[in-house]
Structure formats: C-alpha cells, structure tokens
Amino acid sequence: MRPLAQLRQEFLESIAGKYLNDSSREVQRVFMTRFAYDNQF
C-alpha cells in the first residue's frame, strides 16, 4: 500500500493534468505548491 503523502501527490498531479493541461509549467507548479494538503495554512 502506498503512503498517504504519495497518494495525495498523485491526486494533485492528476487534477493538474485535467484542469491545467494547457497552462504553463510554472502555473502548474504554483498549483501543486499552493494546494498541497500540508500547505493549507
């Protein structure tokens, strides 16, 4: 079984691929950082 942190990372990558596929890599990096589970606050 994969660790929860890895599942969360894979989930964000999947969402980024769906919604931000046409966006720049920088926008995708900002999304992945801002909305990482541990970065909420």
Full PDB file with SEQRES, HELIX, SHEET, SSBOND, CRYST1, ORIGX, SCALE, CONECT and MASTER records, all heavy atoms in Angstrom:
SEQRES   1 A   41  MET ARG PRO LEU ALA GLN LEU ARG GLN GLU PHE LEU GLU          
SEQRES   2 A   41  SER ILE ALA GLY LYS TYR LEU ASN ASP SER SER ARG GLU          
SEQRES   3 A   41  VAL GLN ARG VAL PHE MET THR ARG PHE ALA TYR ASP ASN          
SEQRES   4 A   41  GLN PHE                                                      
HELIX    1 AA1 LEU A    4  TYR A   19  1                                  16    
HELIX    2 AA2 ARG A   25  ARG A   34  1                                  10    
HELIX    3 AA3 TYR A   37  ASN A   39  5                                   3    
CRYST1    1.000    1.000    1.000  90.00  90.00  90.00 P 1           1          
ORIGX1      1.000000  0.000000  0.000000        0.00000                         
ORIGX2      0.000000  1.000000  0.000000        0.00000                         
ORIGX3      0.000000  0.000000  1.000000        0.00000                         
SCALE1      1.000000  0.000000  0.000000        0.00000                         
SCALE2      0.000000  1.000000  0.000000        0.00000                         
SCALE3      0.000000  0.000000  1.000000        0.00000                         
ATOM      1  N   MET A   1       0.843  -1.193   0.000  1.00  0.00           N  
ATOM      2  CA  MET A   1       0.000   0.000   0.000  1.00  0.00           C  
ATOM      3  C   MET A   1       0.883   1.249   0.000  1.00  0.00           C  
ATOM      4  O   MET A   1       1.862   1.332   0.727  1.00  0.00           O  
ATOM      5  CB  MET A   1      -0.905  -0.031   1.233  1.00  0.00           C  
ATOM      6  CG  MET A   1      -1.860   1.106   1.288  1.00  0.00           C  
ATOM      7  SD  MET A   1      -3.096   0.797   2.563  1.00  0.00           S  
ATOM      8  CE  MET A   1      -4.415   1.684   1.870  1.00  0.00           C  
ATOM      9  N   ARG A   2       0.516   2.208  -0.841  1.00  0.00           N  
ATOM     10  CA  ARG A   2       1.301   3.436  -0.954  1.00  0.00           C  
ATOM     11  C   ARG A   2       1.003   4.367   0.216  1.00  0.00           C  
ATOM     12  O   ARG A   2      -0.126   4.429   0.704  1.00  0.00           O  
ATOM     13  CB  ARG A   2       0.987   4.145  -2.264  1.00  0.00           C  
ATOM     14  CG  ARG A   2       1.447   3.343  -3.464  1.00  0.00           C  
ATOM     15  CD  ARG A   2       1.103   4.058  -4.726  1.00  0.00           C  
ATOM     16  NE  ARG A   2      -0.333   4.347  -4.733  1.00  0.00           N  
ATOM     17  CZ  ARG A   2      -1.080   4.396  -5.802  1.00  0.00           C  
ATOM     18  NH1 ARG A   2      -0.573   4.208  -6.960  1.00  0.00           N  
ATOM     19  NH2 ARG A   2      -2.359   4.663  -5.726  1.00  0.00           N  
ATOM     20  N   PRO A   3       2.018   5.129   0.630  1.00  0.00           N  
ATOM     21  CA  PRO A   3       1.805   6.103   1.718  1.00  0.00           C  
ATOM     22  C   PRO A   3       0.813   7.186   1.307  1.00  0.00           C  
ATOM     23  O   PRO A   3       0.688   7.528   0.127  1.00  0.00           O  
ATOM     24  CB  PRO A   3       3.196   6.701   1.941  1.00  0.00           C  
ATOM     25  CG  PRO A   3       4.148   5.853   1.192  1.00  0.00           C  
ATOM     26  CD  PRO A   3       3.379   5.103   0.162  1.00  0.00           C  
ATOM     27  N   LEU A   4       0.132   7.737   2.294  1.00  0.00           N  
ATOM     28  CA  LEU A   4      -0.872   8.772   2.044  1.00  0.00           C  
ATOM     29  C   LEU A   4      -0.272   9.983   1.331  1.00  0.00           C  
ATOM     30  O   LEU A   4      -0.893  10.540   0.427  1.00  0.00           O  
ATOM     31  CB  LEU A   4      -1.527   9.192   3.365  1.00  0.00           C  
ATOM     32  CG  LEU A   4      -2.668  10.194   3.275  1.00  0.00           C  
ATOM     33  CD1 LEU A   4      -3.784   9.695   2.372  1.00  0.00           C  
ATOM     34  CD2 LEU A   4      -3.211  10.484   4.668  1.00  0.00           C  
ATOM     35  N   ALA A   5       0.925  10.385   1.715  1.00  0.00           N  
ATOM     36  CA  ALA A   5       1.561  11.541   1.066  1.00  0.00           C  
ATOM     37  C   ALA A   5       1.741  11.293  -0.431  1.00  0.00           C  
ATOM     38  O   ALA A   5       1.531  12.195  -1.250  1.00  0.00           O  
ATOM     39  CB  ALA A   5       2.910  11.840   1.721  1.00  0.00           C  
ATOM     40  N   GLN A   6       2.098  10.085  -0.814  1.00  0.00           N  
ATOM     41  CA  GLN A   6       2.270   9.759  -2.225  1.00  0.00           C  
ATOM     42  C   GLN A   6       0.925   9.777  -2.950  1.00  0.00           C  
ATOM     43  O   GLN A   6       0.821  10.279  -4.069  1.00  0.00           O  
ATOM     44  CB  GLN A   6       2.922   8.387  -2.380  1.00  0.00           C  
ATOM     45  CG  GLN A   6       3.166   7.999  -3.825  1.00  0.00           C  
ATOM     46  CD  GLN A   6       3.806   6.635  -3.970  1.00  0.00           C  
ATOM     47  OE1 GLN A   6       4.149   5.977  -2.999  1.00  0.00           O  
ATOM     48  NE2 GLN A   6       3.950   6.198  -5.203  1.00  0.00           N  
ATOM     49  N   LEU A   7      -0.111   9.247  -2.313  1.00  0.00           N  
ATOM     50  CA  LEU A   7      -1.450   9.278  -2.918  1.00  0.00           C  
ATOM     51  C   LEU A   7      -1.917  10.711  -3.128  1.00  0.00           C  
ATOM     52  O   LEU A   7      -2.518  11.026  -4.164  1.00  0.00           O  
ATOM     53  CB  LEU A   7      -2.445   8.524  -2.037  1.00  0.00           C  
ATOM     54  CG  LEU A   7      -2.262   7.016  -1.953  1.00  0.00           C  
ATOM     55  CD1 LEU A   7      -3.199   6.435  -0.900  1.00  0.00           C  
ATOM     56  CD2 LEU A   7      -2.497   6.366  -3.295  1.00  0.00           C  
ATOM     57  N   ARG A   8      -1.647  11.575  -2.165  1.00  0.00           N  
ATOM     58  CA  ARG A   8      -2.039  12.987  -2.301  1.00  0.00           C  
ATOM     59  C   ARG A   8      -1.303  13.647  -3.456  1.00  0.00           C  
ATOM     60  O   ARG A   8      -1.896  14.414  -4.218  1.00  0.00           O  
ATOM     61  CB  ARG A   8      -1.766  13.731  -0.995  1.00  0.00           C  
ATOM     62  CG  ARG A   8      -2.746  13.393   0.096  1.00  0.00           C  
ATOM     63  CD  ARG A   8      -2.399  14.098   1.371  1.00  0.00           C  
ATOM     64  NE  ARG A   8      -3.423  13.869   2.389  1.00  0.00           N  
ATOM     65  CZ  ARG A   8      -3.184  13.910   3.676  1.00  0.00           C  
ATOM     66  NH1 ARG A   8      -1.984  14.183   4.145  1.00  0.00           N  
ATOM     67  NH2 ARG A   8      -4.172  13.689   4.532  1.00  0.00           N  
ATOM     68  N   GLN A   9      -0.011  13.366  -3.582  1.00  0.00           N  
ATOM     69  CA  GLN A   9       0.784  13.939  -4.672  1.00  0.00           C  
ATOM     70  C   GLN A   9       0.254  13.466  -6.026  1.00  0.00           C  
ATOM     71  O   GLN A   9       0.085  14.256  -6.953  1.00  0.00           O  
ATOM     72  CB  GLN A   9       2.253  13.559  -4.505  1.00  0.00           C  
ATOM     73  CG  GLN A   9       3.169  14.084  -5.580  1.00  0.00           C  
ATOM     74  CD  GLN A   9       3.369  15.581  -5.536  1.00  0.00           C  
ATOM     75  OE1 GLN A   9       3.141  16.220  -4.525  1.00  0.00           O  
ATOM     76  NE2 GLN A   9       3.800  16.142  -6.646  1.00  0.00           N  
ATOM     77  N   GLU A  10      -0.019  12.181  -6.145  1.00  0.00           N  
ATOM     78  CA  GLU A  10      -0.546  11.633  -7.395  1.00  0.00           C  
ATOM     79  C   GLU A  10      -1.912  12.230  -7.733  1.00  0.00           C  
ATOM     80  O   GLU A  10      -2.213  12.492  -8.896  1.00  0.00           O  
ATOM     81  CB  GLU A  10      -0.634  10.108  -7.302  1.00  0.00           C  
ATOM     82  CG  GLU A  10       0.724   9.438  -7.271  1.00  0.00           C  
ATOM     83  CD  GLU A  10       0.654   7.957  -6.935  1.00  0.00           C  
ATOM     84  OE1 GLU A  10      -0.467   7.425  -6.710  1.00  0.00           O  
ATOM     85  OE2 GLU A  10       1.717   7.330  -6.886  1.00  0.00           O  
ATOM     86  N   PHE A  11      -2.721  12.445  -6.710  1.00  0.00           N  
ATOM     87  CA  PHE A  11      -4.032  13.056  -6.911  1.00  0.00           C  
ATOM     88  C   PHE A  11      -3.887  14.465  -7.482  1.00  0.00           C  
ATOM     89  O   PHE A  11      -4.543  14.824  -8.461  1.00  0.00           O  
ATOM     90  CB  PHE A  11      -4.794  13.078  -5.584  1.00  0.00           C  
ATOM     91  CG  PHE A  11      -6.021  13.951  -5.606  1.00  0.00           C  
ATOM     92  CD1 PHE A  11      -7.152  13.551  -6.295  1.00  0.00           C  
ATOM     93  CD2 PHE A  11      -6.035  15.156  -4.943  1.00  0.00           C  
ATOM     94  CE1 PHE A  11      -8.292  14.351  -6.311  1.00  0.00           C  
ATOM     95  CE2 PHE A  11      -7.163  15.963  -4.954  1.00  0.00           C  
ATOM     96  CZ  PHE A  11      -8.292  15.560  -5.648  1.00  0.00           C  
ATOM     97  N   LEU A  12      -3.009  15.280  -6.870  1.00  0.00           N  
ATOM     98  CA  LEU A  12      -2.806  16.651  -7.366  1.00  0.00           C  
ATOM     99  C   LEU A  12      -2.286  16.652  -8.792  1.00  0.00           C  
ATOM    100  O   LEU A  12      -2.704  17.469  -9.614  1.00  0.00           O  
ATOM    101  CB  LEU A  12      -1.840  17.419  -6.468  1.00  0.00           C  
ATOM    102  CG  LEU A  12      -2.417  18.107  -5.258  1.00  0.00           C  
ATOM    103  CD1 LEU A  12      -1.330  18.923  -4.554  1.00  0.00           C  
ATOM    104  CD2 LEU A  12      -3.584  18.988  -5.584  1.00  0.00           C  
ATOM    105  N   GLU A  13      -1.370  15.744  -9.099  1.00  0.00           N  
ATOM    106  CA  GLU A  13      -0.845  15.659 -10.462  1.00  0.00           C  
ATOM    107  C   GLU A  13      -1.953  15.318 -11.450  1.00  0.00           C  
ATOM    108  O   GLU A  13      -2.007  15.878 -12.554  1.00  0.00           O  
ATOM    109  CB  GLU A  13       0.276  14.617 -10.523  1.00  0.00           C  
ATOM    110  CG  GLU A  13       1.538  15.061  -9.812  1.00  0.00           C  
ATOM    111  CD  GLU A  13       2.569  13.953  -9.663  1.00  0.00           C  
ATOM    112  OE1 GLU A  13       2.314  12.801 -10.094  1.00  0.00           O  
ATOM    113  OE2 GLU A  13       3.641  14.238  -9.093  1.00  0.00           O  
ATOM    114  N   SER A  14      -2.847  14.428 -11.054  1.00  0.00           N  
ATOM    115  CA  SER A  14      -3.973  14.059 -11.904  1.00  0.00           C  
ATOM    116  C   SER A  14      -4.902  15.249 -12.146  1.00  0.00           C  
ATOM    117  O   SER A  14      -5.325  15.515 -13.277  1.00  0.00           O  
ATOM    118  CB  SER A  14      -4.744  12.905 -11.251  1.00  0.00           C  
ATOM    119  OG  SER A  14      -5.950  12.668 -11.907  1.00  0.00           O  
ATOM    120  N   ILE A  15      -5.226  15.970 -11.089  1.00  0.00           N  
ATOM    121  CA  ILE A  15      -6.092  17.155 -11.206  1.00  0.00           C  
ATOM    122  C   ILE A  15      -5.416  18.226 -12.064  1.00  0.00           C  
ATOM    123  O   ILE A  15      -6.059  18.850 -12.915  1.00  0.00           O  
ATOM    124  CB  ILE A  15      -6.449  17.711  -9.814  1.00  0.00           C  
ATOM    125  CG1 ILE A  15      -7.350  16.726  -9.059  1.00  0.00           C  
ATOM    126  CG2 ILE A  15      -7.093  19.086  -9.903  1.00  0.00           C  
ATOM    127  CD1 ILE A  15      -8.753  16.603  -9.599  1.00  0.00           C  
ATOM    128  N   ALA A  16      -4.117  18.432 -11.850  1.00  0.00           N  
ATOM    129  CA  ALA A  16      -3.388  19.424 -12.654  1.00  0.00           C  
ATOM    130  C   ALA A  16      -3.431  19.039 -14.128  1.00  0.00           C  
ATOM    131  O   ALA A  16      -3.606  19.900 -14.993  1.00  0.00           O  
ATOM    132  CB  ALA A  16      -1.945  19.541 -12.167  1.00  0.00           C  
ATOM    133  N   GLY A  17      -3.295  17.753 -14.415  1.00  0.00           N  
ATOM    134  CA  GLY A  17      -3.362  17.296 -15.797  1.00  0.00           C  
ATOM    135  C   GLY A  17      -4.721  17.539 -16.429  1.00  0.00           C  
ATOM    136  O   GLY A  17      -4.820  17.867 -17.605  1.00  0.00           O  
ATOM    137  N   LYS A  18      -5.758  17.412 -15.628  1.00  0.00           N  
ATOM    138  CA  LYS A  18      -7.116  17.597 -16.150  1.00  0.00           C  
ATOM    139  C   LYS A  18      -7.458  19.072 -16.351  1.00  0.00           C  
ATOM    140  O   LYS A  18      -7.972  19.465 -17.390  1.00  0.00           O  
ATOM    141  CB  LYS A  18      -8.128  16.976 -15.199  1.00  0.00           C  
ATOM    142  CG  LYS A  18      -9.557  17.160 -15.651  1.00  0.00           C  
ATOM    143  CD  LYS A  18     -10.547  16.530 -14.703  1.00  0.00           C  
ATOM    144  CE  LYS A  18     -11.958  16.785 -15.198  1.00  0.00           C  
ATOM    145  NZ  LYS A  18     -12.968  16.244 -14.309  1.00  0.00           N  
ATOM    146  N   TYR A  19      -7.191  19.894 -15.349  1.00  0.00           N  
ATOM    147  CA  TYR A  19      -7.633  21.296 -15.382  1.00  0.00           C  
ATOM    148  C   TYR A  19      -6.583  22.264 -15.920  1.00  0.00           C  
ATOM    149  O   TYR A  19      -6.938  23.334 -16.400  1.00  0.00           O  
ATOM    150  CB  TYR A  19      -8.049  21.748 -13.985  1.00  0.00           C  
ATOM    151  CG  TYR A  19      -9.368  21.183 -13.542  1.00  0.00           C  
ATOM    152  CD1 TYR A  19      -9.438  19.997 -12.840  1.00  0.00           C  
ATOM    153  CD2 TYR A  19     -10.559  21.836 -13.846  1.00  0.00           C  
ATOM    154  CE1 TYR A  19     -10.657  19.464 -12.446  1.00  0.00           C  
ATOM    155  CE2 TYR A  19     -11.782  21.316 -13.452  1.00  0.00           C  
ATOM    156  CZ  TYR A  19     -11.817  20.130 -12.745  1.00  0.00           C  
ATOM    157  OH  TYR A  19     -13.017  19.611 -12.364  1.00  0.00           O  
ATOM    158  N   LEU A  20      -5.316  21.907 -15.798  1.00  0.00           N  
ATOM    159  CA  LEU A  20      -4.254  22.862 -16.148  1.00  0.00           C  
ATOM    160  C   LEU A  20      -3.380  22.361 -17.285  1.00  0.00           C  
ATOM    161  O   LEU A  20      -2.260  22.823 -17.454  1.00  0.00           O  
ATOM    162  CB  LEU A  20      -3.384  23.146 -14.911  1.00  0.00           C  
ATOM    163  CG  LEU A  20      -4.125  23.709 -13.708  1.00  0.00           C  
ATOM    164  CD1 LEU A  20      -3.217  23.740 -12.490  1.00  0.00           C  
ATOM    165  CD2 LEU A  20      -4.661  25.093 -14.000  1.00  0.00           C  
ATOM    166  N   ASN A  21      -3.888  21.458 -18.070  1.00  0.00           N  
ATOM    167  CA  ASN A  21      -3.106  20.858 -19.141  1.00  0.00           C  
ATOM    168  C   ASN A  21      -2.579  21.894 -20.131  1.00  0.00           C  
ATOM    169  O   ASN A  21      -1.490  21.754 -20.661  1.00  0.00           O  
ATOM    170  CB  ASN A  21      -3.931  19.796 -19.861  1.00  0.00           C  
ATOM    171  CG  ASN A  21      -3.080  18.897 -20.715  1.00  0.00           C  
ATOM    172  OD1 ASN A  21      -1.972  18.556 -20.351  1.00  0.00           O  
ATOM    173  ND2 ASN A  21      -3.607  18.508 -21.858  1.00  0.00           N  
ATOM    174  N   ASP A  22      -3.354  22.940 -20.384  1.00  0.00           N  
ATOM    175  CA  ASP A  22      -2.941  23.966 -21.337  1.00  0.00           C  
ATOM    176  C   ASP A  22      -2.157  25.105 -20.682  1.00  0.00           C  
ATOM    177  O   ASP A  22      -1.744  26.040 -21.359  1.00  0.00           O  
ATOM    178  CB  ASP A  22      -4.161  24.557 -22.048  1.00  0.00           C  
ATOM    179  CG  ASP A  22      -4.844  23.531 -22.926  1.00  0.00           C  
ATOM    180  OD1 ASP A  22      -4.163  22.594 -23.388  1.00  0.00           O  
ATOM    181  OD2 ASP A  22      -6.060  23.653 -23.140  1.00  0.00           O  
ATOM    182  N   SER A  23      -1.962  25.030 -19.383  1.00  0.00           N  
ATOM    183  CA  SER A  23      -1.263  26.091 -18.656  1.00  0.00           C  
ATOM    184  C   SER A  23       0.247  25.850 -18.675  1.00  0.00           C  
ATOM    185  O   SER A  23       0.715  24.742 -18.925  1.00  0.00           O  
ATOM    186  CB  SER A  23      -1.739  26.134 -17.198  1.00  0.00           C  
ATOM    187  OG  SER A  23      -3.115  26.392 -17.142  1.00  0.00           O  
ATOM    188  N   SER A  24       0.979  26.897 -18.364  1.00  0.00           N  
ATOM    189  CA  SER A  24       2.431  26.780 -18.322  1.00  0.00           C  
ATOM    190  C   SER A  24       2.855  25.880 -17.165  1.00  0.00           C  
ATOM    191  O   SER A  24       2.102  25.653 -16.218  1.00  0.00           O  
ATOM    192  CB  SER A  24       3.063  28.162 -18.154  1.00  0.00           C  
ATOM    193  OG  SER A  24       2.838  28.633 -16.836  1.00  0.00           O  
ATOM    194  N   ARG A  25       4.074  25.409 -17.235  1.00  0.00           N  
ATOM    195  CA  ARG A  25       4.612  24.576 -16.152  1.00  0.00           C  
ATOM    196  C   ARG A  25       4.706  25.369 -14.854  1.00  0.00           C  
ATOM    197  O   ARG A  25       4.539  24.818 -13.770  1.00  0.00           O  
ATOM    198  CB  ARG A  25       5.964  23.999 -16.540  1.00  0.00           C  
ATOM    199  CG  ARG A  25       5.786  23.053 -17.722  1.00  0.00           C  
ATOM    200  CD  ARG A  25       6.832  22.050 -18.006  1.00  0.00           C  
ATOM    201  NE  ARG A  25       7.367  21.140 -17.063  1.00  0.00           N  
ATOM    202  CZ  ARG A  25       6.748  20.056 -16.566  1.00  0.00           C  
ATOM    203  NH1 ARG A  25       5.504  19.824 -16.881  1.00  0.00           N  
ATOM    204  NH2 ARG A  25       7.367  19.235 -15.763  1.00  0.00           N  
ATOM    205  N   GLU A  26       4.948  26.658 -14.970  1.00  0.00           N  
ATOM    206  CA  GLU A  26       5.028  27.489 -13.769  1.00  0.00           C  
ATOM    207  C   GLU A  26       3.676  27.576 -13.067  1.00  0.00           C  
ATOM    208  O   GLU A  26       3.600  27.505 -11.850  1.00  0.00           O  
ATOM    209  CB  GLU A  26       5.553  28.889 -14.099  1.00  0.00           C  
ATOM    210  CG  GLU A  26       7.040  28.925 -14.349  1.00  0.00           C  
ATOM    211  CD  GLU A  26       7.849  28.371 -13.185  1.00  0.00           C  
ATOM    212  OE1 GLU A  26       7.673  28.844 -12.044  1.00  0.00           O  
ATOM    213  OE2 GLU A  26       8.657  27.457 -13.415  1.00  0.00           O  
ATOM    214  N   VAL A  27       2.625  27.719 -13.835  1.00  0.00           N  
ATOM    215  CA  VAL A  27       1.279  27.755 -13.247  1.00  0.00           C  
ATOM    216  C   VAL A  27       0.982  26.407 -12.591  1.00  0.00           C  
ATOM    217  O   VAL A  27       0.435  26.351 -11.490  1.00  0.00           O  
ATOM    218  CB  VAL A  27       0.214  28.117 -14.313  1.00  0.00           C  
ATOM    219  CG1 VAL A  27      -1.192  27.892 -13.785  1.00  0.00           C  
ATOM    220  CG2 VAL A  27       0.395  29.556 -14.768  1.00  0.00           C  
ATOM    221  N   GLN A  28       1.368  25.330 -13.230  1.00  0.00           N  
ATOM    222  CA  GLN A  28       1.167  24.014 -12.643  1.00  0.00           C  
ATOM    223  C   GLN A  28       1.959  23.852 -11.349  1.00  0.00           C  
ATOM    224  O   GLN A  28       1.450  23.291 -10.376  1.00  0.00           O  
ATOM    225  CB  GLN A  28       1.534  22.920 -13.640  1.00  0.00           C  
ATOM    226  CG  GLN A  28       0.573  22.851 -14.810  1.00  0.00           C  
ATOM    227  CD  GLN A  28       0.945  21.793 -15.822  1.00  0.00           C  
ATOM    228  OE1 GLN A  28       1.743  20.903 -15.556  1.00  0.00           O  
ATOM    229  NE2 GLN A  28       0.363  21.894 -17.000  1.00  0.00           N  
ATOM    230  N   ARG A  29       3.185  24.357 -11.320  1.00  0.00           N  
ATOM    231  CA  ARG A  29       3.995  24.288 -10.086  1.00  0.00           C  
ATOM    232  C   ARG A  29       3.362  25.093  -8.963  1.00  0.00           C  
ATOM    233  O   ARG A  29       3.352  24.662  -7.810  1.00  0.00           O  
ATOM    234  CB  ARG A  29       5.416  24.816 -10.343  1.00  0.00           C  
ATOM    235  CG  ARG A  29       6.318  23.842 -11.058  1.00  0.00           C  
ATOM    236  CD  ARG A  29       7.720  24.368 -11.237  1.00  0.00           C  
ATOM    237  NE  ARG A  29       8.344  24.617  -9.945  1.00  0.00           N  
ATOM    238  CZ  ARG A  29       9.196  25.599  -9.695  1.00  0.00           C  
ATOM    239  NH1 ARG A  29       9.535  26.438 -10.645  1.00  0.00           N  
ATOM    240  NH2 ARG A  29       9.729  25.745  -8.504  1.00  0.00           N  
ATOM    241  N   VAL A  30       2.839  26.262  -9.302  1.00  0.00           N  
ATOM    242  CA  VAL A  30       2.165  27.083  -8.288  1.00  0.00           C  
ATOM    243  C   VAL A  30       0.953  26.334  -7.744  1.00  0.00           C  
ATOM    244  O   VAL A  30       0.741  26.276  -6.539  1.00  0.00           O  
ATOM    245  CB  VAL A  30       1.776  28.462  -8.864  1.00  0.00           C  
ATOM    246  CG1 VAL A  30       0.796  29.191  -7.964  1.00  0.00           C  
ATOM    247  CG2 VAL A  30       3.029  29.308  -9.079  1.00  0.00           C  
ATOM    248  N   PHE A  31       0.164  25.726  -8.632  1.00  0.00           N  
ATOM    249  CA  PHE A  31      -0.986  24.944  -8.192  1.00  0.00           C  
ATOM    250  C   PHE A  31      -0.553  23.811  -7.268  1.00  0.00           C  
ATOM    251  O   PHE A  31      -1.127  23.614  -6.193  1.00  0.00           O  
ATOM    252  CB  PHE A  31      -1.736  24.376  -9.402  1.00  0.00           C  
ATOM    253  CG  PHE A  31      -2.753  23.331  -9.036  1.00  0.00           C  
ATOM    254  CD1 PHE A  31      -3.980  23.692  -8.494  1.00  0.00           C  
ATOM    255  CD2 PHE A  31      -2.477  21.980  -9.218  1.00  0.00           C  
ATOM    256  CE1 PHE A  31      -4.914  22.729  -8.139  1.00  0.00           C  
ATOM    257  CE2 PHE A  31      -3.402  21.016  -8.872  1.00  0.00           C  
ATOM    258  CZ  PHE A  31      -4.623  21.391  -8.320  1.00  0.00           C  
ATOM    259  N   MET A  32       0.442  23.056  -7.680  1.00  0.00           N  
ATOM    260  CA  MET A  32       0.898  21.903  -6.899  1.00  0.00           C  
ATOM    261  C   MET A  32       1.408  22.338  -5.527  1.00  0.00           C  
ATOM    262  O   MET A  32       1.242  21.616  -4.544  1.00  0.00           O  
ATOM    263  CB  MET A  32       2.008  21.157  -7.651  1.00  0.00           C  
ATOM    264  CG  MET A  32       1.565  20.534  -8.958  1.00  0.00           C  
ATOM    265  SD  MET A  32       0.443  19.149  -8.766  1.00  0.00           S  
ATOM    266  CE  MET A  32       1.512  17.962  -7.999  1.00  0.00           C  
ATOM    267  N   THR A  33       1.993  23.518  -5.448  1.00  0.00           N  
ATOM    268  CA  THR A  33       2.514  24.013  -4.174  1.00  0.00           C  
ATOM    269  C   THR A  33       1.404  24.608  -3.317  1.00  0.00           C  
ATOM    270  O   THR A  33       1.256  24.270  -2.151  1.00  0.00           O  
ATOM    271  CB  THR A  33       3.613  25.066  -4.429  1.00  0.00           C  
ATOM    272  OG1 THR A  33       4.648  24.443  -5.212  1.00  0.00           O  
ATOM    273  CG2 THR A  33       4.197  25.575  -3.134  1.00  0.00           C  
ATOM    274  N   ARG A  34       0.603  25.508  -3.902  1.00  0.00           N  
ATOM    275  CA  ARG A  34      -0.447  26.185  -3.124  1.00  0.00           C  
ATOM    276  C   ARG A  34      -1.470  25.189  -2.566  1.00  0.00           C  
ATOM    277  O   ARG A  34      -1.958  25.333  -1.456  1.00  0.00           O  
ATOM    278  CB  ARG A  34      -1.150  27.214  -4.024  1.00  0.00           C  
ATOM    279  CG  ARG A  34      -2.432  27.829  -3.466  1.00  0.00           C  
ATOM    280  CD  ARG A  34      -2.216  28.770  -2.307  1.00  0.00           C  
ATOM    281  NE  ARG A  34      -2.157  28.051  -1.063  1.00  0.00           N  
ATOM    282  CZ  ARG A  34      -1.751  28.527   0.110  1.00  0.00           C  
ATOM    283  NH1 ARG A  34      -1.334  29.755   0.222  1.00  0.00           N  
ATOM    284  NH2 ARG A  34      -1.713  27.796   1.177  1.00  0.00           N  
ATOM    285  N   PHE A  35      -1.807  24.174  -3.344  1.00  0.00           N  
ATOM    286  CA  PHE A  35      -2.887  23.287  -2.950  1.00  0.00           C  
ATOM    287  C   PHE A  35      -2.422  21.928  -2.431  1.00  0.00           C  
ATOM    288  O   PHE A  35      -3.236  21.026  -2.246  1.00  0.00           O  
ATOM    289  CB  PHE A  35      -3.898  23.153  -4.088  1.00  0.00           C  
ATOM    290  CG  PHE A  35      -4.567  24.465  -4.349  1.00  0.00           C  
ATOM    291  CD1 PHE A  35      -4.154  25.274  -5.384  1.00  0.00           C  
ATOM    292  CD2 PHE A  35      -5.554  24.933  -3.495  1.00  0.00           C  
ATOM    293  CE1 PHE A  35      -4.732  26.514  -5.594  1.00  0.00           C  
ATOM    294  CE2 PHE A  35      -6.141  26.174  -3.699  1.00  0.00           C  
ATOM    295  CZ  PHE A  35      -5.726  26.962  -4.746  1.00  0.00           C  
ATOM    296  N   ALA A  36      -1.122  21.815  -2.165  1.00  0.00           N  
ATOM    297  CA  ALA A  36      -0.649  20.616  -1.471  1.00  0.00           C  
ATOM    298  C   ALA A  36      -1.328  20.564  -0.108  1.00  0.00           C  
ATOM    299  O   ALA A  36      -1.509  21.590   0.552  1.00  0.00           O  
ATOM    300  CB  ALA A  36       0.868  20.653  -1.320  1.00  0.00           C  
ATOM    301  N   TYR A  37      -1.721  19.384   0.290  1.00  0.00           N  
ATOM    302  CA  TYR A  37      -2.516  19.219   1.508  1.00  0.00           C  
ATOM    303  C   TYR A  37      -1.873  19.900   2.724  1.00  0.00           C  
ATOM    304  O   TYR A  37      -2.557  20.557   3.499  1.00  0.00           O  
ATOM    305  CB  TYR A  37      -2.727  17.728   1.781  1.00  0.00           C  
ATOM    306  CG  TYR A  37      -3.673  17.466   2.911  1.00  0.00           C  
ATOM    307  CD1 TYR A  37      -5.044  17.504   2.704  1.00  0.00           C  
ATOM    308  CD2 TYR A  37      -3.202  17.191   4.187  1.00  0.00           C  
ATOM    309  CE1 TYR A  37      -5.936  17.272   3.734  1.00  0.00           C  
ATOM    310  CE2 TYR A  37      -4.088  16.949   5.226  1.00  0.00           C  
ATOM    311  CZ  TYR A  37      -5.446  16.991   4.995  1.00  0.00           C  
ATOM    312  OH  TYR A  37      -6.323  16.766   6.030  1.00  0.00           O  
ATOM    313  N   ASP A  38      -0.578  19.762   2.858  1.00  0.00           N  
ATOM    314  CA  ASP A  38       0.116  20.310   4.032  1.00  0.00           C  
ATOM    315  C   ASP A  38       0.331  21.817   3.970  1.00  0.00           C  
ATOM    316  O   ASP A  38       0.815  22.402   4.933  1.00  0.00           O  
ATOM    317  CB  ASP A  38       1.465  19.613   4.223  1.00  0.00           C  
ATOM    318  CG  ASP A  38       1.289  18.139   4.563  1.00  0.00           C  
ATOM    319  OD1 ASP A  38       0.242  17.782   5.152  1.00  0.00           O  
ATOM    320  OD2 ASP A  38       2.195  17.346   4.231  1.00  0.00           O  
ATOM    321  N   ASN A  39      -0.015  22.439   2.861  1.00  0.00           N  
ATOM    322  CA  ASN A  39       0.213  23.881   2.702  1.00  0.00           C  
ATOM    323  C   ASN A  39      -1.038  24.718   2.919  1.00  0.00           C  
ATOM    324  O   ASN A  39      -1.027  25.919   2.647  1.00  0.00           O  
ATOM    325  CB  ASN A  39       0.783  24.175   1.313  1.00  0.00           C  
ATOM    326  CG  ASN A  39       2.193  23.675   1.179  1.00  0.00           C  
ATOM    327  OD1 ASN A  39       2.863  23.377   2.159  1.00  0.00           O  
ATOM    328  ND2 ASN A  39       2.663  23.555  -0.046  1.00  0.00           N  
ATOM    329  N   GLN A  40      -2.086  24.141   3.407  1.00  0.00           N  
ATOM    330  CA  GLN A  40      -3.355  24.860   3.524  1.00  0.00           C  
ATOM    331  C   GLN A  40      -3.222  26.172   4.286  1.00  0.00           C  
ATOM    332  O   GLN A  40      -3.785  27.183   3.891  1.00  0.00           O  
ATOM    333  CB  GLN A  40      -4.406  23.993   4.211  1.00  0.00           C  
ATOM    334  CG  GLN A  40      -5.732  24.721   4.387  1.00  0.00           C  
ATOM    335  CD  GLN A  40      -6.795  23.866   5.055  1.00  0.00           C  
ATOM    336  OE1 GLN A  40      -6.532  22.753   5.474  1.00  0.00           O  
ATOM    337  NE2 GLN A  40      -7.982  24.382   5.140  1.00  0.00           N  
ATOM    338  N   PHE A  41      -2.488  26.175   5.369  1.00  0.00           N  
ATOM    339  CA  PHE A  41      -2.424  27.361   6.219  1.00  0.00           C  
ATOM    340  C   PHE A  41      -1.162  28.192   6.009  1.00  0.00           C  
ATOM    341  O   PHE A  41      -0.932  29.148   6.731  1.00  0.00           O  
ATOM    342  CB  PHE A  41      -2.563  26.958   7.689  1.00  0.00           C  
ATOM    343  CG  PHE A  41      -3.881  26.287   7.963  1.00  0.00           C  
ATOM    344  CD1 PHE A  41      -3.938  24.935   8.214  1.00  0.00           C  
ATOM    345  CD2 PHE A  41      -5.065  27.012   7.915  1.00  0.00           C  
ATOM    346  CE1 PHE A  41      -5.154  24.307   8.453  1.00  0.00           C  
ATOM    347  CE2 PHE A  41      -6.292  26.392   8.142  1.00  0.00           C  
ATOM    348  CZ  PHE A  41      -6.328  25.033   8.416  1.00  0.00           C  
TER     349      PHE A  41                                                      
MASTER        0    0    0    3    0    0    0    6  348    1    0    4          
END                                                                             
